[in-house]
Amino acid sequence: MELLDQTLTKTCNTNEFVKCVNVGLLCVQEDPSDRPTVSTILFMLGSEAPTLPDPKQPAFVIRRCPSSKASSSSKPDTVSNNGLTVTLEDGR
């Protein structure tokens, strides 16, 4: 639920939100054969099925440095993990 925009917490159906996040994670699996087909995605989003397959662990994870939360400067946040550097600009 940490991914949910705070302005939507009162009006959002949390079950639908979690379902959409889960389906999104299934769609970006590292191995294309683990990704659902479009027809399967439509079925998952349209059904009332309470359980969906769990996505596999991603090949890499990018985490924000704890110090970037406390910083209120207009400098972009830069995170480096496993040799991959990601810069997040304001206005995200």
PDB file of N, CA and C in Angstrom:
ATOM      1  N   MET A   1       0.819  -1.198   0.000  1.00  0.00           N
ATOM      2  CA  MET A   1       0.000   0.000   0.000  1.00  0.00           C
ATOM      3  C   MET A   1       0.860   1.258   0.000  1.00  0.00           C
ATOM      4  N   GLU A   2       2.155   1.094   0.214  1.00  0.00           N
ATOM      5  CA  GLU A   2       3.053   2.243   0.191  1.00  0.00           C
ATOM      6  C   GLU A   2       3.133   2.871  -1.195  1.00  0.00           C
ATOM      7  N   LEU A   3       2.785   2.126  -2.238  1.00  0.00           N
ATOM      8  CA  LEU A   3       2.832   2.641  -3.598  1.00  0.00           C
ATOM      9  C   LEU A   3       1.644   3.539  -3.931  1.00  0.00           C
ATOM     10  N   LEU A   4       0.588   3.444  -3.171  1.00  0.00           N
ATOM     11  CA  LEU A   4      -0.643   4.181  -3.445  1.00  0.00           C
ATOM     12  C   LEU A   4      -0.474   5.658  -3.116  1.00  0.00           C
ATOM     13  N   ASP A   5      -0.866   6.525  -4.042  1.00  0.00           N
ATOM     14  CA  ASP A   5      -0.838   7.967  -3.823  1.00  0.00           C
ATOM     15  C   ASP A   5      -1.737   8.291  -2.629  1.00  0.00           C
ATOM     16  N   GLN A   6      -1.224   9.070  -1.709  1.00  0.00           N
ATOM     17  CA  GLN A   6      -1.951   9.380  -0.469  1.00  0.00           C
ATOM     18  C   GLN A   6      -3.293  10.061  -0.729  1.00  0.00           C
ATOM     19  N   THR A   7      -3.423  10.792  -1.824  1.00  0.00           N
ATOM     20  CA  THR A   7      -4.698  11.463  -2.111  1.00  0.00           C
ATOM     21  C   THR A   7      -5.784  10.476  -2.524  1.00  0.00           C
ATOM     22  N   LEU A   8      -5.410   9.231  -2.842  1.00  0.00           N
ATOM     23  CA  LEU A   8      -6.384   8.237  -3.276  1.00  0.00           C
ATOM     24  C   LEU A   8      -6.769   7.244  -2.184  1.00  0.00           C
ATOM     25  N   THR A   9      -6.165   7.342  -1.025  1.00  0.00           N
ATOM     26  CA  THR A   9      -6.380   6.319   0.000  1.00  0.00           C
ATOM     27  C   THR A   9      -7.838   6.181   0.438  1.00  0.00           C
ATOM     28  N   LYS A  10      -8.596   7.254   0.431  1.00  0.00           N
ATOM     29  CA  LYS A  10      -9.982   7.184   0.888  1.00  0.00           C
ATOM     30  C   LYS A  10     -10.936   6.668  -0.182  1.00  0.00           C
ATOM     31  N   THR A  11     -10.591   6.860  -1.446  1.00  0.00           N
ATOM     32  CA  THR A  11     -11.514   6.484  -2.518  1.00  0.00           C
ATOM     33  C   THR A  11     -11.092   5.234  -3.278  1.00  0.00           C
ATOM     34  N   CYS A  12      -9.890   4.752  -3.039  1.00  0.00           N
ATOM     35  CA  CYS A  12      -9.363   3.615  -3.799  1.00  0.00           C
ATOM     36  C   CYS A  12      -9.844   2.287  -3.212  1.00  0.00           C
ATOM     37  N   ASN A  13     -10.234   1.383  -4.084  1.00  0.00           N
ATOM     38  CA  ASN A  13     -10.544   0.020  -3.669  1.00  0.00           C
ATOM     39  C   ASN A  13      -9.197  -0.698  -3.526  1.00  0.00           C
ATOM     40  N   THR A  14      -8.791  -0.979  -2.309  1.00  0.00           N
ATOM     41  CA  THR A  14      -7.451  -1.523  -2.081  1.00  0.00           C
ATOM     42  C   THR A  14      -7.258  -2.894  -2.732  1.00  0.00           C
ATOM     43  N   ASN A  15      -8.301  -3.695  -2.781  1.00  0.00           N
ATOM     44  CA  ASN A  15      -8.176  -5.001  -3.430  1.00  0.00           C
ATOM     45  C   ASN A  15      -7.892  -4.844  -4.920  1.00  0.00           C
ATOM     46  N   GLU A  16      -8.567  -3.905  -5.574  1.00  0.00           N
ATOM     47  CA  GLU A  16      -8.341  -3.649  -6.995  1.00  0.00           C
ATOM     48  C   GLU A  16      -6.930  -3.090  -7.214  1.00  0.00           C
ATOM     49  N   PHE A  17      -6.490  -2.219  -6.315  1.00  0.00           N
ATOM     50  CA  PHE A  17      -5.152  -1.638  -6.426  1.00  0.00           C
ATOM     51  C   PHE A  17      -4.080  -2.721  -6.329  1.00  0.00           C
ATOM     52  N   VAL A  18      -4.206  -3.583  -5.341  1.00  0.00           N
ATOM     53  CA  VAL A  18      -3.225  -4.659  -5.162  1.00  0.00           C
ATOM     54  C   VAL A  18      -3.252  -5.599  -6.360  1.00  0.00           C
ATOM     55  N   LYS A  19      -4.440  -5.882  -6.889  1.00  0.00           N
ATOM     56  CA  LYS A  19      -4.552  -6.742  -8.064  1.00  0.00           C
ATOM     57  C   LYS A  19      -3.818  -6.122  -9.256  1.00  0.00           C
ATOM     58  N   CYS A  20      -4.008  -4.826  -9.484  1.00  0.00           N
ATOM     59  CA  CYS A  20      -3.357  -4.150 -10.609  1.00  0.00           C
ATOM     60  C   CYS A  20      -1.834  -4.137 -10.451  1.00  0.00           C
ATOM     61  N   VAL A  21      -1.356  -3.903  -9.240  1.00  0.00           N
ATOM     62  CA  VAL A  21       0.090  -3.922  -8.994  1.00  0.00           C
ATOM     63  C   VAL A  21       0.635  -5.325  -9.250  1.00  0.00           C
ATOM     64  N   ASN A  22      -0.065  -6.340  -8.760  1.00  0.00           N
ATOM     65  CA  ASN A  22       0.360  -7.728  -8.944  1.00  0.00           C
ATOM     66  C   ASN A  22       0.419  -8.092 -10.431  1.00  0.00           C
ATOM     67  N   VAL A  23      -0.623  -7.725 -11.183  1.00  0.00           N
ATOM     68  CA  VAL A  23      -0.647  -8.018 -12.617  1.00  0.00           C
ATOM     69  C   VAL A  23       0.483  -7.257 -13.317  1.00  0.00           C
ATOM     70  N   GLY A  24       0.720  -6.021 -12.934  1.00  0.00           N
ATOM     71  CA  GLY A  24       1.813  -5.251 -13.508  1.00  0.00           C
ATOM     72  C   GLY A  24       3.161  -5.911 -13.278  1.00  0.00           C
ATOM     73  N   LEU A  25       3.378  -6.430 -12.071  1.00  0.00           N
ATOM     74  CA  LEU A  25       4.634  -7.126 -11.775  1.00  0.00           C
ATOM     75  C   LEU A  25       4.759  -8.421 -12.578  1.00  0.00           C
ATOM     76  N   LEU A  26       3.649  -9.097 -12.794  1.00  0.00           N
ATOM     77  CA  LEU A  26       3.683 -10.307 -13.620  1.00  0.00           C
ATOM     78  C   LEU A  26       4.056  -9.965 -15.066  1.00  0.00           C
ATOM     79  N   CYS A  27       3.649  -8.798 -15.532  1.00  0.00           N
ATOM     80  CA  CYS A  27       3.911  -8.394 -16.920  1.00  0.00           C
ATOM     81  C   CYS A  27       5.361  -8.004 -17.175  1.00  0.00           C
ATOM     82  N   VAL A  28       6.130  -7.766 -16.132  1.00  0.00           N
ATOM     83  CA  VAL A  28       7.526  -7.343 -16.316  1.00  0.00           C
ATOM     84  C   VAL A  28       8.511  -8.381 -15.777  1.00  0.00           C
ATOM     85  N   GLN A  29       8.097  -9.628 -15.752  1.00  0.00           N
ATOM     86  CA  GLN A  29       9.003 -10.694 -15.320  1.00  0.00           C
ATOM     87  C   GLN A  29      10.217 -10.732 -16.238  1.00  0.00           C
ATOM     88  N   GLU A  30      11.373 -11.084 -15.673  1.00  0.00           N
ATOM     89  CA  GLU A  30      12.601 -11.111 -16.453  1.00  0.00           C
ATOM     90  C   GLU A  30      12.508 -12.076 -17.633  1.00  0.00           C
ATOM     91  N   ASP A  31      12.019 -13.264 -17.395  1.00  0.00           N
ATOM     92  CA  ASP A  31      11.883 -14.272 -18.447  1.00  0.00           C
ATOM     93  C   ASP A  31      10.542 -14.068 -19.163  1.00  0.00           C
ATOM     94  N   PRO A  32      10.558 -13.752 -20.449  1.00  0.00           N
ATOM     95  CA  PRO A  32       9.301 -13.520 -21.170  1.00  0.00           C
ATOM     96  C   PRO A  32       8.304 -14.676 -21.073  1.00  0.00           C
ATOM     97  N   SER A  33       8.799 -15.891 -20.914  1.00  0.00           N
ATOM     98  CA  SER A  33       7.871 -17.026 -20.823  1.00  0.00           C
ATOM     99  C   SER A  33       7.098 -17.020 -19.500  1.00  0.00           C
ATOM    100  N   ASP A  34       7.553 -16.251 -18.517  1.00  0.00           N
ATOM    101  CA  ASP A  34       6.847 -16.133 -17.243  1.00  0.00           C
ATOM    102  C   ASP A  34       5.778 -15.039 -17.276  1.00  0.00           C
ATOM    103  N   ARG A  35       5.764 -14.239 -18.333  1.00  0.00           N
ATOM    104  CA  ARG A  35       4.805 -13.134 -18.436  1.00  0.00           C
ATOM    105  C   ARG A  35       3.465 -13.654 -18.964  1.00  0.00           C
ATOM    106  N   PRO A  36       2.362 -13.116 -18.441  1.00  0.00           N
ATOM    107  CA  PRO A  36       1.047 -13.564 -18.930  1.00  0.00           C
ATOM    108  C   PRO A  36       0.752 -12.994 -20.317  1.00  0.00           C
ATOM    109  N   THR A  37      -0.104 -13.695 -21.048  1.00  0.00           N
ATOM    110  CA  THR A  37      -0.552 -13.207 -22.351  1.00  0.00           C
ATOM    111  C   THR A  37      -1.596 -12.117 -22.125  1.00  0.00           C
ATOM    112  N   VAL A  38      -1.905 -11.364 -23.168  1.00  0.00           N
ATOM    113  CA  VAL A  38      -2.893 -10.294 -23.054  1.00  0.00           C
ATOM    114  C   VAL A  38      -4.247 -10.863 -22.637  1.00  0.00           C
ATOM    115  N   SER A  39      -4.628 -11.991 -23.198  1.00  0.00           N
ATOM    116  CA  SER A  39      -5.918 -12.573 -22.823  1.00  0.00           C
ATOM    117  C   SER A  39      -5.926 -12.995 -21.349  1.00  0.00           C
ATOM    118  N   THR A  40      -4.799 -13.489 -20.862  1.00  0.00           N
ATOM    119  CA  THR A  40      -4.716 -13.856 -19.440  1.00  0.00           C
ATOM    120  C   THR A  40      -4.787 -12.612 -18.563  1.00  0.00           C
ATOM    121  N   ILE A  41      -4.135 -11.535 -18.987  1.00  0.00           N
ATOM    122  CA  ILE A  41      -4.176 -10.284 -18.231  1.00  0.00           C
ATOM    123  C   ILE A  41      -5.609  -9.771 -18.137  1.00  0.00           C
ATOM    124  N   LEU A  42      -6.303  -9.780 -19.264  1.00  0.00           N
ATOM    125  CA  LEU A  42      -7.696  -9.326 -19.267  1.00  0.00           C
ATOM    126  C   LEU A  42      -8.563 -10.182 -18.353  1.00  0.00           C
ATOM    127  N   PHE A  43      -8.326 -11.491 -18.361  1.00  0.00           N
ATOM    128  CA  PHE A  43      -9.075 -12.385 -17.477  1.00  0.00           C
ATOM    129  C   PHE A  43      -8.776 -12.066 -16.015  1.00  0.00           C
ATOM    130  N   MET A  44      -7.485 -11.888 -15.683  1.00  0.00           N
ATOM    131  CA  MET A  44      -7.106 -11.610 -14.291  1.00  0.00           C
ATOM    132  C   MET A  44      -7.713 -10.298 -13.810  1.00  0.00           C
ATOM    133  N   LEU A  45      -7.681  -9.271 -14.655  1.00  0.00           N
ATOM    134  CA  LEU A  45      -8.214  -7.973 -14.239  1.00  0.00           C
ATOM    135  C   LEU A  45      -9.736  -7.965 -14.179  1.00  0.00           C
ATOM    136  N   GLY A  46     -10.377  -8.760 -15.023  1.00  0.00           N
ATOM    137  CA  GLY A  46     -11.833  -8.767 -15.074  1.00  0.00           C
ATOM    138  C   GLY A  46     -12.497  -9.756 -14.145  1.00  0.00           C
ATOM    139  N   SER A  47     -11.734 -10.683 -13.597  1.00  0.00           N
ATOM    140  CA  SER A  47     -12.345 -11.715 -12.749  1.00  0.00           C
ATOM    141  C   SER A  47     -12.360 -11.296 -11.289  1.00  0.00           C
ATOM    142  N   GLU A  48     -13.149 -11.985 -10.545  1.00  0.00           N
ATOM    143  CA  GLU A  48     -13.225 -11.762  -9.109  1.00  0.00           C
ATOM    144  C   GLU A  48     -12.357 -12.764  -8.350  1.00  0.00           C
ATOM    145  N   ALA A  49     -11.489 -13.456  -9.076  1.00  0.00           N
ATOM    146  CA  ALA A  49     -10.632 -14.470  -8.446  1.00  0.00           C
ATOM    147  C   ALA A  49      -9.808 -13.823  -7.331  1.00  0.00           C
ATOM    148  N   PRO A  50      -9.851 -14.386  -6.145  1.00  0.00           N
ATOM    149  CA  PRO A  50      -9.145 -13.771  -5.011  1.00  0.00           C
ATOM    150  C   PRO A  50      -7.628 -13.938  -5.057  1.00  0.00           C
ATOM    151  N   THR A  51      -7.148 -14.927  -5.784  1.00  0.00           N
ATOM    152  CA  THR A  51      -5.701 -15.150  -5.793  1.00  0.00           C
ATOM    153  C   THR A  51      -5.162 -15.087  -7.208  1.00  0.00           C
ATOM    154  N   LEU A  52      -3.987 -14.509  -7.328  1.00  0.00           N
ATOM    155  CA  LEU A  52      -3.260 -14.444  -8.588  1.00  0.00           C
ATOM    156  C   LEU A  52      -1.906 -15.077  -8.356  1.00  0.00           C
ATOM    157  N   PRO A  53      -1.232 -15.512  -9.417  1.00  0.00           N
ATOM    158  CA  PRO A  53       0.112 -16.056  -9.217  1.00  0.00           C
ATOM    159  C   PRO A  53       1.037 -14.981  -8.649  1.00  0.00           C
ATOM    160  N   ASP A  54       1.975 -15.392  -7.825  1.00  0.00           N
ATOM    161  CA  ASP A  54       2.951 -14.457  -7.275  1.00  0.00           C
ATOM    162  C   ASP A  54       4.044 -14.200  -8.293  1.00  0.00           C
ATOM    163  N   PRO A  55       4.428 -12.925  -8.483  1.00  0.00           N
ATOM    164  CA  PRO A  55       5.550 -12.657  -9.385  1.00  0.00           C
ATOM    165  C   PRO A  55       6.845 -13.191  -8.782  1.00  0.00           C
ATOM    166  N   LYS A  56       7.780 -13.554  -9.651  1.00  0.00           N
ATOM    167  CA  LYS A  56       9.078 -14.027  -9.178  1.00  0.00           C
ATOM    168  C   LYS A  56       9.917 -12.840  -8.726  1.00  0.00           C
ATOM    169  N   GLN A  57      10.960 -13.129  -7.956  1.00  0.00           N
ATOM    170  CA  GLN A  57      11.878 -12.101  -7.495  1.00  0.00           C
ATOM    171  C   GLN A  57      12.507 -11.410  -8.705  1.00  0.00           C
ATOM    172  N   PRO A  58      12.527 -10.070  -8.744  1.00  0.00           N
ATOM    173  CA  PRO A  58      13.148  -9.397  -9.889  1.00  0.00           C
ATOM    174  C   PRO A  58      14.649  -9.658  -9.956  1.00  0.00           C
ATOM    175  N   ALA A  59      15.207  -9.509 -11.166  1.00  0.00           N
ATOM    176  CA  ALA A  59      16.634  -9.748 -11.369  1.00  0.00           C
ATOM    177  C   ALA A  59      17.470  -8.729 -10.605  1.00  0.00           C
ATOM    178  N   PHE A  60      16.967  -7.502 -10.486  1.00  0.00           N
ATOM    179  CA  PHE A  60      17.656  -6.490  -9.696  1.00  0.00           C
ATOM    180  C   PHE A  60      16.606  -5.589  -9.079  1.00  0.00           C
ATOM    181  N   VAL A  61      16.990  -4.933  -7.997  1.00  0.00           N
ATOM    182  CA  VAL A  61      16.083  -4.053  -7.275  1.00  0.00           C
ATOM    183  C   VAL A  61      16.798  -2.731  -7.056  1.00  0.00           C
ATOM    184  N   ILE A  62      16.097  -1.647  -7.286  1.00  0.00           N
ATOM    185  CA  ILE A  62      16.653  -0.324  -7.021  1.00  0.00           C
ATOM    186  C   ILE A  62      15.926   0.233  -5.809  1.00  0.00           C
ATOM    187  N   ARG A  63      16.692   0.634  -4.832  1.00  0.00           N
ATOM    188  CA  ARG A  63      16.104   1.207  -3.618  1.00  0.00           C
ATOM    189  C   ARG A  63      16.604   2.631  -3.461  1.00  0.00           C
ATOM    190  N   ARG A  64      15.775   3.470  -2.939  1.00  0.00           N
ATOM    191  CA  ARG A  64      16.141   4.852  -2.695  1.00  0.00           C
ATOM    192  C   ARG A  64      16.981   4.914  -1.423  1.00  0.00           C
ATOM    193  N   CYS A  65      18.025   5.722  -1.455  1.00  0.00           N
ATOM    194  CA  CYS A  65      18.873   5.911  -0.280  1.00  0.00           C
ATOM    195  C   CYS A  65      18.041   6.543   0.823  1.00  0.00           C
ATOM    196  N   PRO A  66      18.166   6.064   2.060  1.00  0.00           N
ATOM    197  CA  PRO A  66      17.393   6.646   3.159  1.00  0.00           C
ATOM    198  C   PRO A  66      17.626   8.144   3.312  1.00  0.00           C
ATOM    199  N   SER A  67      18.818   8.622   2.995  1.00  0.00           N
ATOM    200  CA  SER A  67      19.115  10.038   3.162  1.00  0.00           C
ATOM    201  C   SER A  67      18.344  10.901   2.175  1.00  0.00           C
ATOM    202  N   SER A  68      17.872  10.321   1.058  1.00  0.00           N
ATOM    203  CA  SER A  68      17.173  11.129   0.060  1.00  0.00           C
ATOM    204  C   SER A  68      15.794  11.562   0.555  1.00  0.00           C
ATOM    205  N   LYS A  69      15.199  10.852   1.508  1.00  0.00           N
ATOM    206  CA  LYS A  69      13.894  11.238   2.039  1.00  0.00           C
ATOM    207  C   LYS A  69      14.004  12.500   2.875  1.00  0.00           C
ATOM    208  N   ALA A  70      15.101  12.632   3.606  1.00  0.00           N
ATOM    209  CA  ALA A  70      15.272  13.768   4.490  1.00  0.00           C
ATOM    210  C   ALA A  70      15.700  15.015   3.729  1.00  0.00           C
ATOM    211  N   SER A  71      16.247  14.843   2.559  1.00  0.00           N
ATOM    212  CA  SER A  71      16.746  15.972   1.787  1.00  0.00           C
ATOM    213  C   SER A  71      15.595  16.698   1.125  1.00  0.00           C
ATOM    214  N   SER A  72      15.550  18.013   1.294  1.00  0.00           N
ATOM    215  CA  SER A  72      14.492  18.795   0.653  1.00  0.00           C
ATOM    216  C   SER A  72      15.064  19.687  -0.439  1.00  0.00           C
ATOM    217  N   SER A  73      16.306  19.457  -0.829  1.00  0.00           N
ATOM    218  CA  SER A  73      16.912  20.264  -1.877  1.00  0.00           C
ATOM    219  C   SER A  73      16.318  19.891  -3.224  1.00  0.00           C
ATOM    220  N   SER A  74      16.552  20.745  -4.219  1.00  0.00           N
ATOM    221  CA  SER A  74      16.019  20.477  -5.551  1.00  0.00           C
ATOM    222  C   SER A  74      16.972  19.621  -6.374  1.00  0.00           C
ATOM    223  N   LYS A  75      18.029  19.105  -5.749  1.00  0.00           N
ATOM    224  CA  LYS A  75      18.958  18.220  -6.438  1.00  0.00           C
ATOM    225  C   LYS A  75      18.287  16.896  -6.742  1.00  0.00           C
ATOM    226  N   PRO A  76      18.539  16.314  -7.931  1.00  0.00           N
ATOM    227  CA  PRO A  76      17.947  14.998  -8.219  1.00  0.00           C
ATOM    228  C   PRO A  76      18.522  13.928  -7.305  1.00  0.00           C
ATOM    229  N   ASP A  77      17.699  12.929  -6.984  1.00  0.00           N
ATOM    230  CA  ASP A  77      18.153  11.781  -6.202  1.00  0.00           C
ATOM    231  C   ASP A  77      18.899  10.845  -7.132  1.00  0.00           C
ATOM    232  N   THR A  78      20.076  10.389  -6.726  1.00  0.00           N
ATOM    233  CA  THR A  78      20.828   9.435  -7.524  1.00  0.00           C
ATOM    234  C   THR A  78      21.079   8.201  -6.688  1.00  0.00           C
ATOM    235  N   VAL A  79      20.761   7.050  -7.262  1.00  0.00           N
ATOM    236  CA  VAL A  79      20.931   5.781  -6.575  1.00  0.00           C
ATOM    237  C   VAL A  79      21.769   4.889  -7.465  1.00  0.00           C
ATOM    238  N   SER A  80      22.742   4.201  -6.881  1.00  0.00           N
ATOM    239  CA  SER A  80      23.553   3.276  -7.642  1.00  0.00           C
ATOM    240  C   SER A  80      23.497   1.928  -6.950  1.00  0.00           C
ATOM    241  N   ASN A  81      23.185   0.884  -7.728  1.00  0.00           N
ATOM    242  CA  ASN A  81      23.061  -0.447  -7.170  1.00  0.00           C
ATOM    243  C   ASN A  81      23.469  -1.441  -8.249  1.00  0.00           C
ATOM    244  N   ASN A  82      24.387  -2.348  -7.929  1.00  0.00           N
ATOM    245  CA  ASN A  82      24.824  -3.371  -8.889  1.00  0.00           C
ATOM    246  C   ASN A  82      25.347  -2.770 -10.190  1.00  0.00           C
ATOM    247  N   GLY A  83      26.006  -1.619 -10.101  1.00  0.00           N
ATOM    248  CA  GLY A  83      26.581  -1.009 -11.285  1.00  0.00           C
ATOM    249  C   GLY A  83      25.587  -0.234 -12.128  1.00  0.00           C
ATOM    250  N   LEU A  84      24.315  -0.178 -11.737  1.00  0.00           N
ATOM    251  CA  LEU A  84      23.289   0.557 -12.455  1.00  0.00           C
ATOM    252  C   LEU A  84      23.017   1.835 -11.689  1.00  0.00           C
ATOM    253  N   THR A  85      23.052   2.969 -12.351  1.00  0.00           N
ATOM    254  CA  THR A  85      22.782   4.245 -11.701  1.00  0.00           C
ATOM    255  C   THR A  85      21.494   4.812 -12.253  1.00  0.00           C
ATOM    256  N   VAL A  86      20.618   5.245 -11.362  1.00  0.00           N
ATOM    257  CA  VAL A  86      19.343   5.823 -11.745  1.00  0.00           C
ATOM    258  C   VAL A  86      19.244   7.194 -11.109  1.00  0.00           C
ATOM    259  N   THR A  87      18.894   8.205 -11.896  1.00  0.00           N
ATOM    260  CA  THR A  87      18.693   9.550 -11.381  1.00  0.00           C
ATOM    261  C   THR A  87      17.235   9.909 -11.505  1.00  0.00           C
ATOM    262  N   LEU A  88      16.638  10.330 -10.388  1.00  0.00           N
ATOM    263  CA  LEU A  88      15.232  10.715 -10.364  1.00  0.00           C
ATOM    264  C   LEU A  88      15.156  12.227 -10.255  1.00  0.00           C
ATOM    265  N   GLU A  89      14.522  12.862 -11.229  1.00  0.00           N
ATOM    266  CA  GLU A  89      14.374  14.306 -11.241  1.00  0.00           C
ATOM    267  C   GLU A  89      13.101  14.670 -10.492  1.00  0.00           C
ATOM    268  N   ASP A  90      13.002  15.936 -10.073  1.00  0.00           N
ATOM    269  CA  ASP A  90      11.766  16.420  -9.478  1.00  0.00           C
ATOM    270  C   ASP A  90      10.644  16.353 -10.504  1.00  0.00           C
ATOM    271  N   GLY A  91       9.410  16.327 -10.041  1.00  0.00           N
ATOM    272  CA  GLY A  91       8.276  16.263 -10.936  1.00  0.00           C
ATOM    273  C   GLY A  91       7.911  14.844 -11.314  1.00  0.00           C
ATOM    274  N   ARG A  92       8.342  13.877 -10.512  1.00  0.00           N
ATOM    275  CA  ARG A  92       8.015  12.489 -10.803  1.00  0.00           C
ATOM    276  C   ARG A  92       6.592  12.209 -10.474  1.00  0.00           C
TER     277      ARG A  92
END
